[in-house]
Amino acid sequence: IKEEQITMMECCSKVICNGCSITNLIRELDDERLEPKCAFCRCRVPSQKSDAKKNTMKRVEANDMMAMCFMANLSYEEGNYVDSFKYSSKAAEMGDADSNYRLSILYWRGRGVEKDEKKEMHHLEEAAIG
């Protein structure tokens, strides 16, 4: 499944396909008595982006690799390369190949860290190994 075809649930860091996410939403819309809840942990879905970020940060504090990857991506997209490096480093230590690839890009471009070809190649190799 491609990254654009999945949704990470901010409450529990479970990753589901967009089809399952939409099916859960349709179920909730069909029955007006139901509140929007996570398909896995049944927690209320955050109504605001700030609440979703708080939930994700709780998961980061619990050393949840998927939450760290999510925050690394979000930080990178916002241009906060220092935080992206921090979260990517933690997730890479846990064995996430995508985080190793992101670290190689950060070292290659010198964003959030000094350019370092040796570290860039190390993380690129780790990402390739998976």
Foldseek 3Di string as FASTA:
>chain_A
DDPVQWDQQLQARDIDGVVVVVVLVVVCVVDVVHADADPPPRHGRDPDPVVSLVNLVVCVVVVNLSSLCVQLVVCVVVLNNLSVLVSLVSSVVVQDLVSLQVNLVCLCVVRSHDNDNVSSVVSPVSSVVD
